[in-house]
Amino acid sequence: MIYFEDEDIVIRDVISKDVISLFTWWVDKELNKHDPRPIPANSIELLEECERFCKRFDAEVINIDFTQRKYKYFMIDNNHNEPIGFINIFSFDAENKQCELGVEIGDKRYWKRGIASKAIRLAENYIFNNIDINRIYIETAESNIPALRLFEKLSFLKCDEIIDEGFKFIVMEKIQQ
């Protein structure tokens, strides 16, 4: 399904072949410089990580049994139908009516073009109008200044700080009005 389309991008549902782009971005050192998760350091670690990633993708992202899915991905394509990034929503909490949001523009040629802003606005609209959710939050490293500025520009407010394994994360939220 296509959720948004303009002259620059298309935002659509994830499909199985997207695992290639998603994994490539998952192990990219520059894209993950604010993530404390270790990046594979050699071919053996890379193969092991690929196997884990693909199993999780099959089980938690594109599982035919929707009740087993833990993530909702929106792929962002350029105007040539090539994946350049994604938005995902996860950590659904029905009792507190909240979920977490993530965004990544994996193709660095598309950085600083407003694409992440468009995608986040679409995801907000989708979440608040189609899911019984009143609060969207993000967690990002305190050092990820570009993400903090982006979400602040989109009216997310800082609401918490988390220390996890020695790393400080900032939590920002948007509450449905």
C-alpha atoms as a PDB file:
ATOM      1  CA  MET A   1       0.000   0.000   0.000  1.00  0.00           C
ATOM      2  CA  ILE A   2       1.193   3.530  -0.769  1.00  0.00           C
ATOM      3  CA  TYR A   3       0.615   6.058   2.034  1.00  0.00           C
ATOM      4  CA  PHE A   4       2.211   9.144   0.519  1.00  0.00           C
ATOM      5  CA  GLU A   5       3.619  10.176  -2.837  1.00  0.00           C
ATOM      6  CA  ASP A   6       5.010  13.409  -4.224  1.00  0.00           C
ATOM      7  CA  GLU A   7       7.586  14.362  -6.854  1.00  0.00           C
ATOM      8  CA  ASP A   8      10.470  13.297  -4.582  1.00  0.00           C
ATOM      9  CA  ILE A   9       9.404  10.269  -2.542  1.00  0.00           C
ATOM     10  CA  VAL A  10       6.937   7.442  -2.055  1.00  0.00           C
ATOM     11  CA  ILE A  11       6.111   6.055   1.384  1.00  0.00           C
ATOM     12  CA  ARG A  12       4.805   2.507   1.251  1.00  0.00           C
ATOM     13  CA  ASP A  13       4.450  -0.735   3.182  1.00  0.00           C
ATOM     14  CA  VAL A  14       7.529  -2.868   3.675  1.00  0.00           C
ATOM     15  CA  ILE A  15       7.978  -5.949   1.459  1.00  0.00           C
ATOM     16  CA  SER A  16      10.275  -8.948   1.869  1.00  0.00           C
ATOM     17  CA  LYS A  17      12.996  -7.735  -0.484  1.00  0.00           C
ATOM     18  CA  ASP A  18      13.399  -4.600   1.683  1.00  0.00           C
ATOM     19  CA  VAL A  19      15.364  -6.757   4.136  1.00  0.00           C
ATOM     20  CA  ILE A  20      18.453  -6.117   1.984  1.00  0.00           C
ATOM     21  CA  SER A  21      18.316  -2.336   2.394  1.00  0.00           C
ATOM     22  CA  LEU A  22      17.294  -2.543   6.039  1.00  0.00           C
ATOM     23  CA  PHE A  23      20.177  -4.853   6.913  1.00  0.00           C
ATOM     24  CA  THR A  24      22.664  -2.743   4.967  1.00  0.00           C
ATOM     25  CA  TRP A  25      21.604   0.299   7.019  1.00  0.00           C
ATOM     26  CA  TRP A  26      21.581  -1.774  10.251  1.00  0.00           C
ATOM     27  CA  VAL A  27      25.322  -2.476   9.943  1.00  0.00           C
ATOM     28  CA  ASP A  28      26.412   0.897   8.514  1.00  0.00           C
ATOM     29  CA  LYS A  29      28.866   2.492  10.984  1.00  0.00           C
ATOM     30  CA  GLU A  30      28.084   6.085  10.029  1.00  0.00           C
ATOM     31  CA  LEU A  31      24.319   5.622  10.273  1.00  0.00           C
ATOM     32  CA  ASN A  32      24.685   4.007  13.682  1.00  0.00           C
ATOM     33  CA  LYS A  33      27.338   6.223  15.241  1.00  0.00           C
ATOM     34  CA  HIS A  34      24.901   7.274  18.006  1.00  0.00           C
ATOM     35  CA  ASP A  35      23.816   3.690  18.736  1.00  0.00           C
ATOM     36  CA  PRO A  36      25.782   1.828  21.413  1.00  0.00           C
ATOM     37  CA  ARG A  37      24.985  -1.489  19.702  1.00  0.00           C
ATOM     38  CA  PRO A  38      28.218  -3.044  18.378  1.00  0.00           C
ATOM     39  CA  ILE A  39      28.597  -3.268  14.602  1.00  0.00           C
ATOM     40  CA  PRO A  40      30.030  -6.549  13.260  1.00  0.00           C
ATOM     41  CA  ALA A  41      33.821  -6.310  13.069  1.00  0.00           C
ATOM     42  CA  ASN A  42      34.552  -9.227  10.724  1.00  0.00           C
ATOM     43  CA  SER A  43      32.908 -11.546   8.213  1.00  0.00           C
ATOM     44  CA  ILE A  44      31.920 -14.180  10.780  1.00  0.00           C
ATOM     45  CA  GLU A  45      30.189 -11.593  12.982  1.00  0.00           C
ATOM     46  CA  LEU A  46      28.554 -10.057   9.897  1.00  0.00           C
ATOM     47  CA  LEU A  47      27.109 -13.410   8.790  1.00  0.00           C
ATOM     48  CA  GLU A  48      25.850 -14.159  12.308  1.00  0.00           C
ATOM     49  CA  GLU A  49      24.245 -10.704  12.542  1.00  0.00           C
ATOM     50  CA  CYS A  50      22.666 -11.123   9.104  1.00  0.00           C
ATOM     51  CA  GLU A  51      21.114 -14.428  10.144  1.00  0.00           C
ATOM     52  CA  ARG A  52      19.727 -12.908  13.377  1.00  0.00           C
ATOM     53  CA  PHE A  53      18.439  -9.850  11.546  1.00  0.00           C
ATOM     54  CA  CYS A  54      16.691 -11.869   8.827  1.00  0.00           C
ATOM     55  CA  LYS A  55      15.026 -14.158  11.369  1.00  0.00           C
ATOM     56  CA  ARG A  56      13.732 -11.144  13.320  1.00  0.00           C
ATOM     57  CA  PHE A  57      12.572  -9.464  10.095  1.00  0.00           C
ATOM     58  CA  ASP A  58      10.581 -12.565   9.110  1.00  0.00           C
ATOM     59  CA  ALA A  59       9.121 -13.084  12.599  1.00  0.00           C
ATOM     60  CA  GLU A  60       8.506  -9.505  13.749  1.00  0.00           C
ATOM     61  CA  VAL A  61       8.084  -7.341  10.640  1.00  0.00           C
ATOM     62  CA  ILE A  62       6.492  -9.342   7.816  1.00  0.00           C
ATOM     63  CA  ASN A  63       5.023 -12.304   9.698  1.00  0.00           C
ATOM     64  CA  ILE A  64       1.820 -13.498   8.026  1.00  0.00           C
ATOM     65  CA  ASP A  65       0.292 -13.722  11.535  1.00  0.00           C
ATOM     66  CA  PHE A  66      -0.280 -10.038  12.296  1.00  0.00           C
ATOM     67  CA  THR A  67      -0.511 -10.757  16.043  1.00  0.00           C
ATOM     68  CA  GLN A  68       3.170 -11.801  15.991  1.00  0.00           C
ATOM     69  CA  ARG A  69       4.386  -8.585  14.386  1.00  0.00           C
ATOM     70  CA  LYS A  70       6.217  -6.211  16.714  1.00  0.00           C
ATOM     71  CA  TYR A  71       7.031  -3.510  14.150  1.00  0.00           C
ATOM     72  CA  LYS A  72       5.168  -1.552  11.490  1.00  0.00           C
ATOM     73  CA  TYR A  73       7.555  -0.330   8.789  1.00  0.00           C
ATOM     74  CA  PHE A  74       6.926   2.373   6.229  1.00  0.00           C
ATOM     75  CA  MET A  75       9.592   2.279   3.517  1.00  0.00           C
ATOM     76  CA  ILE A  76      10.668   5.525   1.912  1.00  0.00           C
ATOM     77  CA  ASP A  77      11.530   5.241  -1.791  1.00  0.00           C
ATOM     78  CA  ASN A  78      12.966   7.880  -4.095  1.00  0.00           C
ATOM     79  CA  ASN A  79      11.137   8.773  -7.312  1.00  0.00           C
ATOM     80  CA  HIS A  80      12.850   5.790  -9.038  1.00  0.00           C
ATOM     81  CA  ASN A  81      11.292   3.271  -6.615  1.00  0.00           C
ATOM     82  CA  GLU A  82      14.600   2.675  -4.799  1.00  0.00           C
ATOM     83  CA  PRO A  83      14.554   2.433  -0.985  1.00  0.00           C
ATOM     84  CA  ILE A  84      16.247   5.387   0.717  1.00  0.00           C
ATOM     85  CA  GLY A  85      14.983   5.050   4.289  1.00  0.00           C
ATOM     86  CA  PHE A  86      12.210   4.013   6.623  1.00  0.00           C
ATOM     87  CA  ILE A  87       9.935   4.967   9.472  1.00  0.00           C
ATOM     88  CA  ASN A  88       8.983   2.309  11.978  1.00  0.00           C
ATOM     89  CA  ILE A  89       6.604   2.145  14.899  1.00  0.00           C
ATOM     90  CA  PHE A  90       7.034  -0.358  17.696  1.00  0.00           C
ATOM     91  CA  SER A  91       6.784  -0.934  21.466  1.00  0.00           C
ATOM     92  CA  PHE A  92       3.012  -0.754  21.183  1.00  0.00           C
ATOM     93  CA  ASP A  93       1.433  -0.353  24.614  1.00  0.00           C
ATOM     94  CA  ALA A  94      -2.345  -0.699  24.333  1.00  0.00           C
ATOM     95  CA  GLU A  95      -2.940  -0.080  28.036  1.00  0.00           C
ATOM     96  CA  ASN A  96      -1.140   3.288  28.024  1.00  0.00           C
ATOM     97  CA  LYS A  97      -2.090   4.021  24.397  1.00  0.00           C
ATOM     98  CA  GLN A  98       1.466   4.744  23.309  1.00  0.00           C
ATOM     99  CA  CYS A  99       4.124   3.575  20.861  1.00  0.00           C
ATOM    100  CA  GLU A 100       7.689   4.371  19.918  1.00  0.00           C
ATOM    101  CA  LEU A 101       8.742   5.837  16.568  1.00  0.00           C
ATOM    102  CA  GLY A 102      12.000   5.480  14.654  1.00  0.00           C
ATOM    103  CA  VAL A 103      13.216   7.040  11.416  1.00  0.00           C
ATOM    104  CA  GLU A 104      16.289   6.600   9.289  1.00  0.00           C
ATOM    105  CA  ILE A 105      17.320   7.975   5.941  1.00  0.00           C
ATOM    106  CA  GLY A 106      19.753   5.238   4.987  1.00  0.00           C
ATOM    107  CA  ASP A 107      20.812   6.648   1.624  1.00  0.00           C
ATOM    108  CA  LYS A 108      23.102   9.504   2.633  1.00  0.00           C
ATOM    109  CA  ARG A 109      22.521  11.286  -0.695  1.00  0.00           C
ATOM    110  CA  TYR A 110      19.055  12.151   0.640  1.00  0.00           C
ATOM    111  CA  TRP A 111      20.113  13.649   3.971  1.00  0.00           C
ATOM    112  CA  LYS A 112      19.076  17.225   4.793  1.00  0.00           C
ATOM    113  CA  ARG A 113      16.274  17.335   2.203  1.00  0.00           C
ATOM    114  CA  GLY A 114      13.283  17.333   4.562  1.00  0.00           C
ATOM    115  CA  ILE A 115      12.408  13.719   3.808  1.00  0.00           C
ATOM    116  CA  ALA A 116      12.533  12.569   7.430  1.00  0.00           C
ATOM    117  CA  SER A 117      10.192  15.436   8.403  1.00  0.00           C
ATOM    118  CA  LYS A 118       7.660  14.433   5.741  1.00  0.00           C
ATOM    119  CA  ALA A 119       7.847  10.800   6.798  1.00  0.00           C
ATOM    120  CA  ILE A 120       7.434  11.568  10.507  1.00  0.00           C
ATOM    121  CA  ARG A 121       4.393  13.772   9.836  1.00  0.00           C
ATOM    122  CA  LEU A 122       2.839  10.962   7.786  1.00  0.00           C
ATOM    123  CA  ALA A 123       3.549   8.409  10.517  1.00  0.00           C
ATOM    124  CA  GLU A 124       2.048  10.696  13.195  1.00  0.00           C
ATOM    125  CA  ASN A 125      -1.084  11.142  11.129  1.00  0.00           C
ATOM    126  CA  TYR A 126      -1.328   7.405  10.476  1.00  0.00           C
ATOM    127  CA  ILE A 127      -0.820   6.524  14.158  1.00  0.00           C
ATOM    128  CA  PHE A 128      -3.227   9.083  15.613  1.00  0.00           C
ATOM    129  CA  ASN A 129      -5.942   8.369  13.017  1.00  0.00           C
ATOM    130  CA  ASN A 130      -5.668   4.584  12.596  1.00  0.00           C
ATOM    131  CA  ILE A 131      -4.359   3.146  15.861  1.00  0.00           C
ATOM    132  CA  ASP A 132      -5.744   3.637  19.362  1.00  0.00           C
ATOM    133  CA  ILE A 133      -2.640   5.603  20.382  1.00  0.00           C
ATOM    134  CA  ASN A 134      -2.502   8.989  22.138  1.00  0.00           C
ATOM    135  CA  ARG A 135       1.257   9.278  22.727  1.00  0.00           C
ATOM    136  CA  ILE A 136       4.188   8.801  20.356  1.00  0.00           C
ATOM    137  CA  TYR A 137       7.677   8.867  21.802  1.00  0.00           C
ATOM    138  CA  ILE A 138      11.233   8.537  20.580  1.00  0.00           C
ATOM    139  CA  GLU A 139      14.437   7.595  22.363  1.00  0.00           C
ATOM    140  CA  THR A 140      17.740   8.757  20.933  1.00  0.00           C
ATOM    141  CA  ALA A 141      21.274   9.182  22.157  1.00  0.00           C
ATOM    142  CA  GLU A 142      22.015  12.485  23.817  1.00  0.00           C
ATOM    143  CA  SER A 143      24.800  12.898  21.225  1.00  0.00           C
ATOM    144  CA  ASN A 144      22.363  12.616  18.291  1.00  0.00           C
ATOM    145  CA  ILE A 145      21.880  16.358  17.922  1.00  0.00           C
ATOM    146  CA  PRO A 146      20.408  16.169  14.375  1.00  0.00           C
ATOM    147  CA  ALA A 147      17.616  13.827  15.559  1.00  0.00           C
ATOM    148  CA  LEU A 148      16.913  15.901  18.661  1.00  0.00           C
ATOM    149  CA  ARG A 149      16.624  19.053  16.543  1.00  0.00           C
ATOM    150  CA  LEU A 150      14.404  17.312  13.988  1.00  0.00           C
ATOM    151  CA  PHE A 151      11.933  16.060  16.582  1.00  0.00           C
ATOM    152  CA  GLU A 152      11.963  19.383  18.422  1.00  0.00           C
ATOM    153  CA  LYS A 153      11.134  21.123  15.126  1.00  0.00           C
ATOM    154  CA  LEU A 154       8.203  18.700  14.762  1.00  0.00           C
ATOM    155  CA  SER A 155       6.866  19.704  18.230  1.00  0.00           C
ATOM    156  CA  PHE A 156       8.082  16.688  20.174  1.00  0.00           C
ATOM    157  CA  LEU A 157       8.916  17.676  23.752  1.00  0.00           C
ATOM    158  CA  LYS A 158      11.681  16.296  25.942  1.00  0.00           C
ATOM    159  CA  CYS A 159      10.095  14.289  28.736  1.00  0.00           C
ATOM    160  CA  ASP A 160      12.777  12.017  30.172  1.00  0.00           C
ATOM    161  CA  GLU A 161      16.371  10.834  30.166  1.00  0.00           C
ATOM    162  CA  ILE A 162      17.442   7.202  30.385  1.00  0.00           C
ATOM    163  CA  ILE A 163      20.855   5.796  31.243  1.00  0.00           C
ATOM    164  CA  ASP A 164      21.337   2.337  29.703  1.00  0.00           C
ATOM    165  CA  GLU A 165      24.671   0.539  29.994  1.00  0.00           C
ATOM    166  CA  GLY A 166      26.435   3.852  30.504  1.00  0.00           C
ATOM    167  CA  PHE A 167      24.776   5.586  27.540  1.00  0.00           C
ATOM    168  CA  LYS A 168      22.427   8.524  28.016  1.00  0.00           C
ATOM    169  CA  PHE A 169      19.270   8.621  25.915  1.00  0.00           C
ATOM    170  CA  ILE A 170      16.803  11.474  25.569  1.00  0.00           C
ATOM    171  CA  VAL A 171      13.093  10.653  25.415  1.00  0.00           C
ATOM    172  CA  MET A 172      10.825  13.021  23.503  1.00  0.00           C
ATOM    173  CA  GLU A 173       7.076  12.752  23.070  1.00  0.00           C
ATOM    174  CA  LYS A 174       4.105  14.058  21.206  1.00  0.00           C
ATOM    175  CA  ILE A 175       0.648  13.767  22.741  1.00  0.00           C
ATOM    176  CA  GLN A 176      -2.420  13.742  20.526  1.00  0.00           C
ATOM    177  CA  GLN A 177      -4.373  16.976  20.928  1.00  0.00           C
END
